[in-house]
């Protein structure tokens, strides 16, 4: 029984960077704990939460410390805000037409293909499918 727990935890540690990618620290921890619990029970949840938090800001989402600087970057460029009737939240898919998407500078170290725009005066990061992956408040 203990061998199965160790095996599940090991598999979890290897799989979590993919599961937590583009989640942010808190969302990464939540997602990691959930995935860990599914794979390895309570021990997997503990390990998953820790690994998810550690990898959550890598590869797609700005870290908390980068958000104010990125917000200033967007403001300095006078990016036009688009009026959107839908909900501006993580997971919302924005239209492909009528909205201009901009590349995120390399210095912010986001996942390749992540772009930004401004919707209802709020900067957002989107993935290749125009799905919001982070709202910069």
C-alpha atoms as a PDB file:
ATOM      1  CA  UNK A   1       0.000   0.000   0.000  1.00  0.00           C
ATOM      2  CA  UNK A   2       2.787   2.442   0.868  1.00  0.00           C
ATOM      3  CA  UNK A   3       4.503   1.628  -2.445  1.00  0.00           C
ATOM      4  CA  UNK A   4       1.345   2.670  -4.328  1.00  0.00           C
ATOM      5  CA  UNK A   5       1.271   5.996  -2.458  1.00  0.00           C
ATOM      6  CA  UNK A   6       4.926   6.666  -3.263  1.00  0.00           C
ATOM      7  CA  UNK A   7       4.372   5.695  -6.902  1.00  0.00           C
ATOM      8  CA  UNK A   8       1.307   7.949  -7.162  1.00  0.00           C
ATOM      9  CA  UNK A   9       3.133  10.876  -5.541  1.00  0.00           C
ATOM     10  CA  UNK A  10       6.081  10.409  -7.920  1.00  0.00           C
ATOM     11  CA  UNK A  11       3.788  10.372 -10.942  1.00  0.00           C
ATOM     12  CA  UNK A  12       2.103  13.467  -9.603  1.00  0.00           C
ATOM     13  CA  UNK A  13       5.354  15.387  -9.230  1.00  0.00           C
ATOM     14  CA  UNK A  14       6.174  14.632 -12.860  1.00  0.00           C
ATOM     15  CA  UNK A  15       2.693  15.484 -14.154  1.00  0.00           C
ATOM     16  CA  UNK A  16       1.910  18.618 -12.163  1.00  0.00           C
ATOM     17  CA  UNK A  17       4.021  21.146 -14.041  1.00  0.00           C
ATOM     18  CA  UNK A  18       1.804  20.481 -17.057  1.00  0.00           C
ATOM     19  CA  UNK A  19      -1.399  20.553 -15.013  1.00  0.00           C
ATOM     20  CA  UNK A  20      -0.471  23.738 -13.204  1.00  0.00           C
ATOM     21  CA  UNK A  21       0.910  25.577 -16.218  1.00  0.00           C
ATOM     22  CA  UNK A  22      -0.730  28.955 -16.765  1.00  0.00           C
ATOM     23  CA  UNK A  23      -2.526  28.969 -13.451  1.00  0.00           C
ATOM     24  CA  UNK A  24      -0.777  31.482 -11.209  1.00  0.00           C
ATOM     25  CA  UNK A  25       0.449  30.694  -7.706  1.00  0.00           C
ATOM     26  CA  UNK A  26      -2.914  30.419  -5.954  1.00  0.00           C
ATOM     27  CA  UNK A  27      -4.728  28.851  -8.885  1.00  0.00           C
ATOM     28  CA  UNK A  28      -1.742  26.538  -9.405  1.00  0.00           C
ATOM     29  CA  UNK A  29      -1.879  25.402  -5.788  1.00  0.00           C
ATOM     30  CA  UNK A  30      -5.629  24.783  -5.981  1.00  0.00           C
ATOM     31  CA  UNK A  31      -5.370  22.914  -9.270  1.00  0.00           C
ATOM     32  CA  UNK A  32      -2.318  20.960  -8.078  1.00  0.00           C
ATOM     33  CA  UNK A  33      -4.045  19.867  -4.871  1.00  0.00           C
ATOM     34  CA  UNK A  34      -7.127  18.804  -6.807  1.00  0.00           C
ATOM     35  CA  UNK A  35      -5.133  16.849  -9.377  1.00  0.00           C
ATOM     36  CA  UNK A  36      -2.943  15.361  -6.656  1.00  0.00           C
ATOM     37  CA  UNK A  37      -5.951  14.179  -4.679  1.00  0.00           C
ATOM     38  CA  UNK A  38      -7.410  12.559  -7.778  1.00  0.00           C
ATOM     39  CA  UNK A  39      -4.159  10.723  -8.496  1.00  0.00           C
ATOM     40  CA  UNK A  40      -2.738   9.980  -5.070  1.00  0.00           C
ATOM     41  CA  UNK A  41      -5.396  10.619  -2.424  1.00  0.00           C
ATOM     42  CA  UNK A  42      -4.610  12.848   0.579  1.00  0.00           C
ATOM     43  CA  UNK A  43      -0.830  12.547   0.188  1.00  0.00           C
ATOM     44  CA  UNK A  44      -1.148  13.435  -3.484  1.00  0.00           C
ATOM     45  CA  UNK A  45      -3.226  16.478  -2.568  1.00  0.00           C
ATOM     46  CA  UNK A  46      -0.541  17.775  -0.232  1.00  0.00           C
ATOM     47  CA  UNK A  47       2.270  17.190  -2.716  1.00  0.00           C
ATOM     48  CA  UNK A  48       0.152  18.510  -5.586  1.00  0.00           C
ATOM     49  CA  UNK A  49      -0.679  21.739  -3.794  1.00  0.00           C
ATOM     50  CA  UNK A  50       2.976  22.448  -3.084  1.00  0.00           C
ATOM     51  CA  UNK A  51       4.168  21.614  -6.592  1.00  0.00           C
ATOM     52  CA  UNK A  52       1.256  23.487  -8.170  1.00  0.00           C
ATOM     53  CA  UNK A  53       2.059  26.622  -6.176  1.00  0.00           C
ATOM     54  CA  UNK A  54       5.734  26.399  -7.081  1.00  0.00           C
ATOM     55  CA  UNK A  55       5.072  26.007 -10.796  1.00  0.00           C
ATOM     56  CA  UNK A  56       1.941  28.125 -11.080  1.00  0.00           C
ATOM     57  CA  UNK A  57       3.648  31.337 -12.129  1.00  0.00           C
ATOM     58  CA  UNK A  58       5.886  29.652 -14.687  1.00  0.00           C
ATOM     59  CA  UNK A  59       4.966  29.555 -18.352  1.00  0.00           C
ATOM     60  CA  UNK A  60       1.870  31.647 -18.837  1.00  0.00           C
ATOM     61  CA  UNK A  61       0.711  33.841 -15.999  1.00  0.00           C
ATOM     62  CA  UNK A  62       2.342  36.927 -14.576  1.00  0.00           C
ATOM     63  CA  UNK A  63       3.548  36.598 -11.030  1.00  0.00           C
ATOM     64  CA  UNK A  64       1.924  38.884  -8.476  1.00  0.00           C
ATOM     65  CA  UNK A  65       5.058  41.026  -8.410  1.00  0.00           C
ATOM     66  CA  UNK A  66       4.919  41.556 -12.206  1.00  0.00           C
ATOM     67  CA  UNK A  67       1.282  42.675 -12.451  1.00  0.00           C
ATOM     68  CA  UNK A  68       1.726  46.350 -11.465  1.00  0.00           C
ATOM     69  CA  UNK A  69       4.646  46.727 -13.860  1.00  0.00           C
ATOM     70  CA  UNK A  70       2.702  45.074 -16.692  1.00  0.00           C
ATOM     71  CA  UNK A  71      -0.355  47.252 -15.981  1.00  0.00           C
ATOM     72  CA  UNK A  72       1.906  50.327 -16.304  1.00  0.00           C
ATOM     73  CA  UNK A  73       3.400  48.933 -19.520  1.00  0.00           C
ATOM     74  CA  UNK A  74      -0.075  48.609 -21.052  1.00  0.00           C
ATOM     75  CA  UNK A  75      -1.172  52.044 -19.831  1.00  0.00           C
ATOM     76  CA  UNK A  76       1.944  53.693 -21.314  1.00  0.00           C
ATOM     77  CA  UNK A  77       1.059  52.293 -24.726  1.00  0.00           C
ATOM     78  CA  UNK A  78      -2.442  53.802 -24.668  1.00  0.00           C
ATOM     79  CA  UNK A  79      -3.957  50.515 -25.794  1.00  0.00           C
ATOM     80  CA  UNK A  80      -7.564  51.053 -26.806  1.00  0.00           C
ATOM     81  CA  UNK A  81     -10.103  49.377 -24.534  1.00  0.00           C
ATOM     82  CA  UNK A  82     -12.813  47.322 -26.189  1.00  0.00           C
ATOM     83  CA  UNK A  83     -16.352  47.277 -24.844  1.00  0.00           C
ATOM     84  CA  UNK A  84     -17.448  43.722 -24.196  1.00  0.00           C
ATOM     85  CA  UNK A  85     -20.946  42.716 -23.080  1.00  0.00           C
ATOM     86  CA  UNK A  86     -19.843  39.372 -21.660  1.00  0.00           C
ATOM     87  CA  UNK A  87     -18.097  38.501 -18.440  1.00  0.00           C
ATOM     88  CA  UNK A  88     -14.422  39.520 -18.221  1.00  0.00           C
ATOM     89  CA  UNK A  89     -13.035  36.552 -16.291  1.00  0.00           C
ATOM     90  CA  UNK A  90     -10.537  33.731 -16.600  1.00  0.00           C
ATOM     91  CA  UNK A  91     -11.956  31.159 -19.005  1.00  0.00           C
ATOM     92  CA  UNK A  92     -14.022  33.589 -21.101  1.00  0.00           C
ATOM     93  CA  UNK A  93     -13.280  33.343 -24.818  1.00  0.00           C
ATOM     94  CA  UNK A  94     -13.097  36.718 -26.528  1.00  0.00           C
ATOM     95  CA  UNK A  95     -14.035  37.287 -30.169  1.00  0.00           C
ATOM     96  CA  UNK A  96     -11.353  36.837 -32.798  1.00  0.00           C
ATOM     97  CA  UNK A  97     -12.661  39.785 -34.826  1.00  0.00           C
ATOM     98  CA  UNK A  98     -12.841  43.392 -33.673  1.00  0.00           C
ATOM     99  CA  UNK A  99     -10.361  42.997 -30.825  1.00  0.00           C
ATOM    100  CA  UNK A 100      -6.664  43.722 -31.310  1.00  0.00           C
ATOM    101  CA  UNK A 101      -4.282  41.380 -29.503  1.00  0.00           C
ATOM    102  CA  UNK A 102      -0.695  42.369 -28.733  1.00  0.00           C
ATOM    103  CA  UNK A 103       2.437  40.342 -28.021  1.00  0.00           C
ATOM    104  CA  UNK A 104       3.653  40.322 -24.429  1.00  0.00           C
ATOM    105  CA  UNK A 105       7.312  41.424 -24.227  1.00  0.00           C
ATOM    106  CA  UNK A 106       9.805  38.659 -23.430  1.00  0.00           C
ATOM    107  CA  UNK A 107      10.781  40.343 -20.155  1.00  0.00           C
ATOM    108  CA  UNK A 108       7.470  39.179 -18.624  1.00  0.00           C
ATOM    109  CA  UNK A 109       8.318  35.519 -19.337  1.00  0.00           C
ATOM    110  CA  UNK A 110       4.857  34.284 -20.240  1.00  0.00           C
ATOM    111  CA  UNK A 111       4.124  31.152 -22.218  1.00  0.00           C
ATOM    112  CA  UNK A 112       4.696  31.430 -25.965  1.00  0.00           C
ATOM    113  CA  UNK A 113       1.498  32.464 -27.709  1.00  0.00           C
ATOM    114  CA  UNK A 114       0.147  34.438 -24.748  1.00  0.00           C
ATOM    115  CA  UNK A 115      -1.004  37.877 -25.840  1.00  0.00           C
ATOM    116  CA  UNK A 116      -2.768  40.788 -24.195  1.00  0.00           C
ATOM    117  CA  UNK A 117      -5.562  43.219 -24.859  1.00  0.00           C
ATOM    118  CA  UNK A 118      -7.711  45.610 -22.845  1.00  0.00           C
ATOM    119  CA  UNK A 119     -11.376  44.757 -22.315  1.00  0.00           C
ATOM    120  CA  UNK A 120     -13.723  47.123 -20.439  1.00  0.00           C
ATOM    121  CA  UNK A 121     -10.641  49.069 -19.266  1.00  0.00           C
ATOM    122  CA  UNK A 122      -9.053  45.929 -17.772  1.00  0.00           C
ATOM    123  CA  UNK A 123      -5.840  44.451 -19.210  1.00  0.00           C
ATOM    124  CA  UNK A 124      -6.165  40.721 -19.821  1.00  0.00           C
ATOM    125  CA  UNK A 125      -3.827  37.961 -20.962  1.00  0.00           C
ATOM    126  CA  UNK A 126      -5.226  35.527 -23.504  1.00  0.00           C
ATOM    127  CA  UNK A 127      -4.066  32.222 -24.964  1.00  0.00           C
ATOM    128  CA  UNK A 128      -3.897  31.324 -28.662  1.00  0.00           C
ATOM    129  CA  UNK A 129      -7.646  30.683 -28.748  1.00  0.00           C
ATOM    130  CA  UNK A 130      -8.435  34.160 -27.304  1.00  0.00           C
ATOM    131  CA  UNK A 131      -9.435  32.586 -23.965  1.00  0.00           C
ATOM    132  CA  UNK A 132      -8.670  34.843 -20.997  1.00  0.00           C
ATOM    133  CA  UNK A 133      -5.993  33.251 -18.819  1.00  0.00           C
ATOM    134  CA  UNK A 134      -5.509  36.208 -16.470  1.00  0.00           C
ATOM    135  CA  UNK A 135      -7.247  39.470 -15.676  1.00  0.00           C
ATOM    136  CA  UNK A 136      -4.779  42.107 -14.488  1.00  0.00           C
ATOM    137  CA  UNK A 137      -6.540  44.048 -11.721  1.00  0.00           C
END
